[in-house]
Protein backbone atom coordinates (compact mmCIF):
# COMPACT_ATOMS: atom_id res chain seq x y z
CA MET A 1 -31.62 8.10 -16.26
CA LEU A 2 -29.15 10.63 -14.90
CA ALA A 3 -25.86 9.31 -13.58
CA ALA A 4 -24.75 10.38 -10.13
CA ILE A 5 -21.69 12.61 -10.20
CA PRO A 6 -18.91 10.99 -8.15
CA SER A 7 -17.37 13.06 -5.37
CA GLN A 8 -13.86 14.46 -5.77
CA SER A 9 -12.62 12.24 -2.95
CA ALA A 10 -14.06 9.12 -4.62
CA VAL A 11 -12.36 10.01 -7.90
CA ALA A 12 -9.08 10.67 -6.07
CA ARG A 13 -9.21 7.23 -4.39
CA LEU A 14 -9.86 5.56 -7.73
CA GLU A 15 -7.06 7.46 -9.49
CA SER A 16 -4.55 6.77 -6.72
CA GLY A 17 -5.14 3.03 -6.82
CA GLU A 18 -6.19 3.17 -3.17
CA TRP A 19 -9.55 1.72 -4.13
CA ASP A 20 -10.26 -1.27 -6.37
CA ALA A 21 -13.46 -0.24 -8.16
CA ARG A 22 -15.89 -2.75 -9.58
CA LEU A 23 -16.94 -2.68 -13.22
CA PRO A 24 -20.37 -1.13 -12.54
CA THR A 25 -18.71 1.71 -10.64
CA ILE A 26 -16.36 2.49 -13.52
CA GLU A 27 -19.31 2.40 -15.92
CA ARG A 28 -21.24 4.86 -13.69
CA TYR A 29 -18.23 7.20 -13.57
CA ALA A 30 -17.99 7.09 -17.36
CA ALA A 31 -21.70 7.84 -17.69
CA ALA A 32 -21.33 10.79 -15.31
CA VAL A 33 -18.92 12.43 -17.76
CA GLY A 34 -20.96 11.53 -20.85
CA SER A 35 -18.85 8.54 -21.89
CA THR A 36 -19.14 4.78 -22.15
CA VAL A 37 -16.73 1.98 -21.34
CA ASP A 38 -15.99 -0.62 -24.01
CA TRP A 39 -14.57 -3.91 -22.75
CA GLN A 40 -12.62 -6.22 -25.02
CA VAL A 41 -11.12 -9.65 -24.40
CA ARG A 42 -8.24 -10.61 -26.69
CA PRO A 43 -5.27 -12.96 -26.65
CA SER A 44 -2.24 -11.70 -24.78
CA GLU A 45 0.82 -10.73 -26.79
CA GLU A 46 2.62 -13.71 -25.25
CA SER A 47 0.19 -16.23 -26.82
CA PRO A 48 1.65 -18.43 -29.57
């Protein structure tokens, strides 16, 4: 499946913080540039 290439204005909104993208959107953007997103949950540095 080919990923849709995001428009320049959509990328600009994401980069500026003007838009709060959902996880699937970020994964589609990564796929459009031939990358993947790896998500990791770990304890915060403040944990005992």
